Amino acid sequence: MLPKVAVPTYELEIPSLKKNIKYRPFLVREEKVLIIAMESEDTKQIAEAVKTVISNCILTRGIKVEQLATFDIEYLFLNIRGKSVGESVDVLITCPDDGTLKFLFLLIWMKLK
């Protein structure tokens, strides 16, 4: 039997429910689910993959991801992703005016109080 790997746990409040939950970062297997969904370019498959990953990462019982508001799902996913792969992402945007000029932005997720 393989040893069980300990993963860190975090806590946050679901905005619409005003309920604190515990969650963990996503693991390699969940990241693979997200990558496969992104490669499919099917929005339904991507949405289901995000919901599956969130469900797997929430440790608090009784939370039904499919019943959460869209903004709660986005908030949970951003927090889980931030703890999993980092709180910043590089975004490459092509100028819509000429179609060739490219801008690279570094977006950093910060929690504002």
N, C-alpha and C. Protein backbone atom coordinates (compact mmCIF):
# COMPACT_ATOMS: atom_id res chain seq x y z
N MET A 1 0.83 -1.17 0.00
CA MET A 1 0.00 0.00 0.00
C MET A 1 0.89 1.25 0.00
N LEU A 2 0.51 2.23 -0.82
CA LEU A 2 1.27 3.46 -0.91
C LEU A 2 1.01 4.35 0.30
N PRO A 3 2.05 5.11 0.69
CA PRO A 3 1.82 6.03 1.81
C PRO A 3 0.90 7.18 1.39
N LYS A 4 0.13 7.70 2.33
CA LYS A 4 -0.76 8.82 2.05
C LYS A 4 0.03 10.11 2.19
N VAL A 5 -0.01 10.93 1.15
CA VAL A 5 0.73 12.18 1.14
C VAL A 5 -0.10 13.25 1.84
N ALA A 6 0.53 13.93 2.76
CA ALA A 6 -0.16 15.01 3.47
C ALA A 6 -0.17 16.25 2.60
N VAL A 7 -1.31 16.89 2.49
CA VAL A 7 -1.42 18.14 1.73
C VAL A 7 -1.91 19.23 2.68
N PRO A 8 -1.49 20.46 2.43
CA PRO A 8 -1.95 21.54 3.31
C PRO A 8 -3.45 21.79 3.13
N THR A 9 -4.07 22.30 4.16
CA THR A 9 -5.48 22.67 4.07
C THR A 9 -5.61 24.16 4.39
N TYR A 10 -6.61 24.77 3.79
CA TYR A 10 -6.86 26.20 3.94
C TYR A 10 -8.34 26.40 4.25
N GLU A 11 -8.65 27.59 4.69
CA GLU A 11 -10.03 27.92 5.01
C GLU A 11 -10.42 29.22 4.33
N LEU A 12 -11.65 29.30 3.85
CA LEU A 12 -12.18 30.55 3.30
C LEU A 12 -13.69 30.55 3.44
N GLU A 13 -14.26 31.73 3.24
CA GLU A 13 -15.70 31.89 3.35
C GLU A 13 -16.34 31.93 1.97
N ILE A 14 -17.37 31.13 1.76
CA ILE A 14 -18.13 31.20 0.51
C ILE A 14 -18.98 32.46 0.58
N PRO A 15 -18.78 33.39 -0.36
CA PRO A 15 -19.43 34.70 -0.26
C PRO A 15 -20.95 34.67 -0.09
N SER A 16 -21.66 33.91 -0.91
CA SER A 16 -23.13 33.96 -0.86
C SER A 16 -23.70 33.22 0.34
N LEU A 17 -22.99 32.21 0.82
CA LEU A 17 -23.49 31.42 1.95
C LEU A 17 -23.02 31.94 3.30
N LYS A 18 -21.98 32.78 3.27
CA LYS A 18 -21.35 33.28 4.51
C LYS A 18 -20.96 32.10 5.41
N LYS A 19 -20.46 31.04 4.75
CA LYS A 19 -20.07 29.82 5.47
C LYS A 19 -18.59 29.55 5.22
N ASN A 20 -17.86 29.26 6.29
CA ASN A 20 -16.45 28.91 6.16
C ASN A 20 -16.32 27.45 5.74
N ILE A 21 -15.40 27.21 4.83
CA ILE A 21 -15.13 25.84 4.39
C ILE A 21 -13.63 25.60 4.45
N LYS A 22 -13.27 24.32 4.48
CA LYS A 22 -11.87 23.92 4.37
C LYS A 22 -11.66 23.33 2.99
N TYR A 23 -10.49 23.61 2.42
CA TYR A 23 -10.17 23.07 1.10
C TYR A 23 -8.68 22.78 1.02
N ARG A 24 -8.30 22.04 -0.01
CA ARG A 24 -6.90 21.72 -0.26
C ARG A 24 -6.55 22.16 -1.68
N PRO A 25 -5.26 22.30 -1.98
CA PRO A 25 -4.87 22.61 -3.37
C PRO A 25 -5.22 21.43 -4.27
N PHE A 26 -5.38 21.68 -5.58
CA PHE A 26 -5.62 20.54 -6.46
C PHE A 26 -4.31 19.81 -6.72
N LEU A 27 -4.43 18.52 -6.97
CA LEU A 27 -3.29 17.64 -7.17
C LEU A 27 -3.05 17.45 -8.67
N VAL A 28 -2.03 16.71 -9.00
CA VAL A 28 -1.67 16.48 -10.40
C VAL A 28 -2.83 15.86 -11.17
N ARG A 29 -3.53 14.92 -10.57
CA ARG A 29 -4.63 14.26 -11.29
C ARG A 29 -5.74 15.26 -11.63
N GLU A 30 -6.00 16.21 -10.72
CA GLU A 30 -7.03 17.21 -11.00
C GLU A 30 -6.54 18.24 -12.03
N GLU A 31 -5.26 18.55 -11.97
CA GLU A 31 -4.71 19.46 -12.98
C GLU A 31 -4.81 18.82 -14.37
N LYS A 32 -4.62 17.52 -14.43
CA LYS A 32 -4.74 16.80 -15.70
C LYS A 32 -6.17 16.87 -16.24
N VAL A 33 -7.16 16.75 -15.36
CA VAL A 33 -8.57 16.88 -15.75
C VAL A 33 -8.81 18.26 -16.37
N LEU A 34 -8.25 19.30 -15.74
CA LEU A 34 -8.42 20.66 -16.26
C LEU A 34 -7.74 20.84 -17.62
N ILE A 35 -6.55 20.29 -17.77
CA ILE A 35 -5.81 20.41 -19.04
C ILE A 35 -6.56 19.71 -20.16
N ILE A 36 -7.06 18.51 -19.90
CA ILE A 36 -7.81 17.77 -20.93
C ILE A 36 -9.06 18.54 -21.33
N ALA A 37 -9.75 19.12 -20.34
CA ALA A 37 -10.95 19.90 -20.64
C ALA A 37 -10.61 21.14 -21.47
N MET A 38 -9.53 21.83 -21.13
CA MET A 38 -9.11 23.02 -21.89
C MET A 38 -8.75 22.66 -23.33
N GLU A 39 -8.10 21.53 -23.50
CA GLU A 39 -7.72 21.09 -24.85
C GLU A 39 -8.93 20.76 -25.70
N SER A 40 -10.02 20.35 -25.07
CA SER A 40 -11.24 20.02 -25.82
C SER A 40 -11.91 21.26 -26.39
N GLU A 41 -11.67 22.42 -25.76
CA GLU A 41 -12.28 23.69 -26.16
C GLU A 41 -13.81 23.66 -26.10
N ASP A 42 -14.36 22.73 -25.33
CA ASP A 42 -15.81 22.61 -25.14
C ASP A 42 -16.17 23.26 -23.81
N THR A 43 -16.96 24.34 -23.84
CA THR A 43 -17.25 25.10 -22.62
C THR A 43 -17.98 24.27 -21.57
N LYS A 44 -18.85 23.35 -22.01
CA LYS A 44 -19.54 22.49 -21.04
C LYS A 44 -18.57 21.56 -20.34
N GLN A 45 -17.63 21.00 -21.09
CA GLN A 45 -16.64 20.10 -20.51
C GLN A 45 -15.71 20.87 -19.56
N ILE A 46 -15.35 22.09 -19.92
CA ILE A 46 -14.50 22.91 -19.06
C ILE A 46 -15.22 23.23 -17.76
N ALA A 47 -16.49 23.64 -17.86
CA ALA A 47 -17.27 23.96 -16.66
C ALA A 47 -17.41 22.75 -15.75
N GLU A 48 -17.66 21.58 -16.33
CA GLU A 48 -17.78 20.36 -15.52
C GLU A 48 -16.45 20.00 -14.87
N ALA A 49 -15.36 20.19 -15.59
CA ALA A 49 -14.03 19.90 -15.02
C ALA A 49 -13.74 20.81 -13.84
N VAL A 50 -14.07 22.10 -13.97
CA VAL A 50 -13.86 23.05 -12.87
C VAL A 50 -14.69 22.63 -11.66
N LYS A 51 -15.96 22.29 -11.88
CA LYS A 51 -16.82 21.87 -10.78
C LYS A 51 -16.31 20.58 -10.12
N THR A 52 -15.81 19.65 -10.93
CA THR A 52 -15.27 18.40 -10.40
C THR A 52 -14.05 18.66 -9.53
N VAL A 53 -13.16 19.52 -10.02
CA VAL A 53 -11.96 19.84 -9.25
C VAL A 53 -12.33 20.52 -7.94
N ILE A 54 -13.26 21.46 -7.99
CA ILE A 54 -13.69 22.14 -6.76
C ILE A 54 -14.28 21.12 -5.79
N SER A 55 -15.15 20.24 -6.28
CA SER A 55 -15.76 19.21 -5.41
C SER A 55 -14.71 18.34 -4.76
N ASN A 56 -13.70 17.96 -5.53
CA ASN A 56 -12.63 17.11 -4.99
C ASN A 56 -11.80 17.83 -3.93
N CYS A 57 -11.62 19.13 -4.09
CA CYS A 57 -10.74 19.89 -3.20
C CYS A 57 -11.42 20.40 -1.94
N ILE A 58 -12.74 20.50 -1.94
CA ILE A 58 -13.44 20.96 -0.74
C ILE A 58 -13.49 19.81 0.26
N LEU A 59 -13.01 20.07 1.46
CA LEU A 59 -12.96 19.05 2.50
C LEU A 59 -14.17 19.11 3.43
N THR A 60 -14.86 20.23 3.45
CA THR A 60 -16.04 20.39 4.31
C THR A 60 -17.21 19.63 3.70
N ARG A 61 -17.88 18.85 4.51
CA ARG A 61 -19.02 18.07 4.03
C ARG A 61 -20.25 18.95 3.84
N GLY A 62 -21.11 18.53 2.92
CA GLY A 62 -22.39 19.19 2.75
C GLY A 62 -22.40 20.33 1.74
N ILE A 63 -21.27 20.59 1.09
CA ILE A 63 -21.22 21.66 0.09
C ILE A 63 -21.48 21.04 -1.28
N LYS A 64 -22.53 21.48 -1.95
CA LYS A 64 -22.88 20.98 -3.27
C LYS A 64 -22.49 22.05 -4.30
N VAL A 65 -21.41 21.79 -5.00
CA VAL A 65 -20.86 22.77 -5.94
C VAL A 65 -21.87 23.12 -7.03
N GLU A 66 -22.63 22.14 -7.50
CA GLU A 66 -23.60 22.40 -8.58
C GLU A 66 -24.72 23.34 -8.15
N GLN A 67 -24.88 23.55 -6.84
CA GLN A 67 -25.92 24.45 -6.35
C GLN A 67 -25.39 25.85 -6.00
N LEU A 68 -24.08 26.05 -6.14
CA LEU A 68 -23.49 27.35 -5.82
C LEU A 68 -23.70 28.35 -6.95
N ALA A 69 -23.69 29.61 -6.60
CA ALA A 69 -23.78 30.68 -7.59
C ALA A 69 -22.49 30.70 -8.42
N THR A 70 -22.58 31.21 -9.64
CA THR A 70 -21.43 31.25 -10.53
C THR A 70 -20.26 32.01 -9.91
N PHE A 71 -20.55 33.13 -9.26
CA PHE A 71 -19.47 33.91 -8.65
C PHE A 71 -18.80 33.16 -7.50
N ASP A 72 -19.55 32.31 -6.80
CA ASP A 72 -18.95 31.47 -5.75
C ASP A 72 -18.01 30.44 -6.36
N ILE A 73 -18.43 29.84 -7.47
CA ILE A 73 -17.60 28.84 -8.15
C ILE A 73 -16.31 29.49 -8.64
N GLU A 74 -16.42 30.67 -9.24
CA GLU A 74 -15.22 31.38 -9.71
C GLU A 74 -14.29 31.73 -8.55
N TYR A 75 -14.88 32.22 -7.46
CA TYR A 75 -14.10 32.60 -6.28
C TYR A 75 -13.37 31.39 -5.70
N LEU A 76 -14.09 30.27 -5.56
CA LEU A 76 -13.48 29.05 -5.04
C LEU A 76 -12.36 28.57 -5.95
N PHE A 77 -12.62 28.57 -7.26
CA PHE A 77 -11.60 28.07 -8.19
C PHE A 77 -10.35 28.95 -8.15
N LEU A 78 -10.52 30.26 -8.12
CA LEU A 78 -9.35 31.15 -8.06
C LEU A 78 -8.54 30.93 -6.80
N ASN A 79 -9.21 30.72 -5.68
CA ASN A 79 -8.49 30.46 -4.44
C ASN A 79 -7.79 29.11 -4.46
N ILE A 80 -8.46 28.09 -4.95
CA ILE A 80 -7.85 26.75 -5.04
C ILE A 80 -6.66 26.79 -6.00
N ARG A 81 -6.84 27.42 -7.16
CA ARG A 81 -5.76 27.54 -8.12
C ARG A 81 -4.58 28.30 -7.55
N GLY A 82 -4.87 29.38 -6.82
CA GLY A 82 -3.82 30.18 -6.21
C GLY A 82 -2.96 29.38 -5.25
N LYS A 83 -3.58 28.52 -4.48
CA LYS A 83 -2.82 27.68 -3.54
C LYS A 83 -2.15 26.50 -4.23
N SER A 84 -2.62 26.15 -5.43
CA SER A 84 -2.10 24.98 -6.14
C SER A 84 -0.90 25.31 -7.01
N VAL A 85 -1.04 26.33 -7.84
CA VAL A 85 0.02 26.63 -8.82
C VAL A 85 0.57 28.04 -8.72
N GLY A 86 0.09 28.80 -7.76
CA GLY A 86 0.60 30.16 -7.58
C GLY A 86 -0.50 31.18 -7.80
N GLU A 87 -0.24 32.37 -7.30
CA GLU A 87 -1.26 33.41 -7.32
C GLU A 87 -1.06 34.40 -8.45
N SER A 88 -0.30 34.03 -9.45
CA SER A 88 -0.13 34.91 -10.60
C SER A 88 -0.22 34.09 -11.88
N VAL A 89 -0.56 34.78 -12.97
CA VAL A 89 -0.67 34.12 -14.27
C VAL A 89 -0.25 35.12 -15.34
N ASP A 90 0.49 34.62 -16.34
CA ASP A 90 0.87 35.44 -17.48
C ASP A 90 -0.24 35.39 -18.52
N VAL A 91 -0.64 36.56 -19.01
CA VAL A 91 -1.69 36.65 -20.02
C VAL A 91 -1.12 37.38 -21.23
N LEU A 92 -1.20 36.75 -22.40
CA LEU A 92 -0.73 37.35 -23.64
C LEU A 92 -1.95 37.82 -24.43
N ILE A 93 -2.02 39.12 -24.69
CA ILE A 93 -3.16 39.71 -25.40
C ILE A 93 -2.67 40.32 -26.70
N THR A 94 -3.37 40.00 -27.79
CA THR A 94 -3.06 40.56 -29.10
C THR A 94 -3.92 41.81 -29.32
N CYS A 95 -3.29 42.86 -29.79
CA CYS A 95 -4.00 44.12 -30.03
C CYS A 95 -5.06 43.90 -31.10
N PRO A 96 -6.32 44.25 -30.80
CA PRO A 96 -7.39 44.04 -31.78
C PRO A 96 -7.32 44.99 -32.99
N ASP A 97 -6.58 46.10 -32.84
CA ASP A 97 -6.49 47.07 -33.94
C ASP A 97 -5.66 46.58 -35.11
N ASP A 98 -4.48 46.01 -34.81
CA ASP A 98 -3.62 45.57 -35.91
C ASP A 98 -3.44 44.06 -35.97
N GLY A 99 -3.81 43.35 -34.91
CA GLY A 99 -3.73 41.89 -34.92
C GLY A 99 -2.34 41.32 -34.78
N THR A 100 -1.32 42.17 -34.65
CA THR A 100 0.05 41.66 -34.54
C THR A 100 0.74 42.08 -33.25
N LEU A 101 0.45 43.27 -32.77
CA LEU A 101 1.08 43.77 -31.55
C LEU A 101 0.57 42.96 -30.36
N LYS A 102 1.50 42.44 -29.57
CA LYS A 102 1.13 41.59 -28.44
C LYS A 102 1.58 42.24 -27.14
N PHE A 103 0.75 42.09 -26.12
CA PHE A 103 1.04 42.61 -24.79
C PHE A 103 1.06 41.45 -23.81
N LEU A 104 2.07 41.40 -22.95
CA LEU A 104 2.17 40.37 -21.93
C LEU A 104 1.88 41.02 -20.58
N PHE A 105 0.88 40.51 -19.89
CA PHE A 105 0.51 41.03 -18.58
C PHE A 105 0.73 39.95 -17.53
N LEU A 106 1.14 40.38 -16.37
CA LEU A 106 1.24 39.48 -15.22
C LEU A 106 0.10 39.84 -14.29
N LEU A 107 -0.87 38.93 -14.17
CA LEU A 107 -2.00 39.15 -13.28
C LEU A 107 -1.72 38.48 -11.95
N ILE A 108 -1.93 39.22 -10.88
CA ILE A 108 -1.67 38.69 -9.53
C ILE A 108 -2.98 38.71 -8.76
N TRP A 109 -3.36 37.55 -8.22
CA TRP A 109 -4.58 37.42 -7.45
C TRP A 109 -4.29 37.88 -6.02
N MET A 110 -5.05 38.87 -5.58
CA MET A 110 -4.90 39.36 -4.21
C MET A 110 -6.28 39.42 -3.57
N LYS A 111 -6.35 39.09 -2.32
CA LYS A 111 -7.61 39.18 -1.60
C LYS A 111 -7.69 40.57 -0.97
N LEU A 112 -8.74 41.28 -1.34
CA LEU A 112 -8.94 42.62 -0.79
C LEU A 112 -9.93 42.54 0.36
N LYS A 113 -9.66 43.28 1.42
CA LYS A 113 -10.56 43.27 2.57
C LYS A 113 -11.22 44.60 2.71
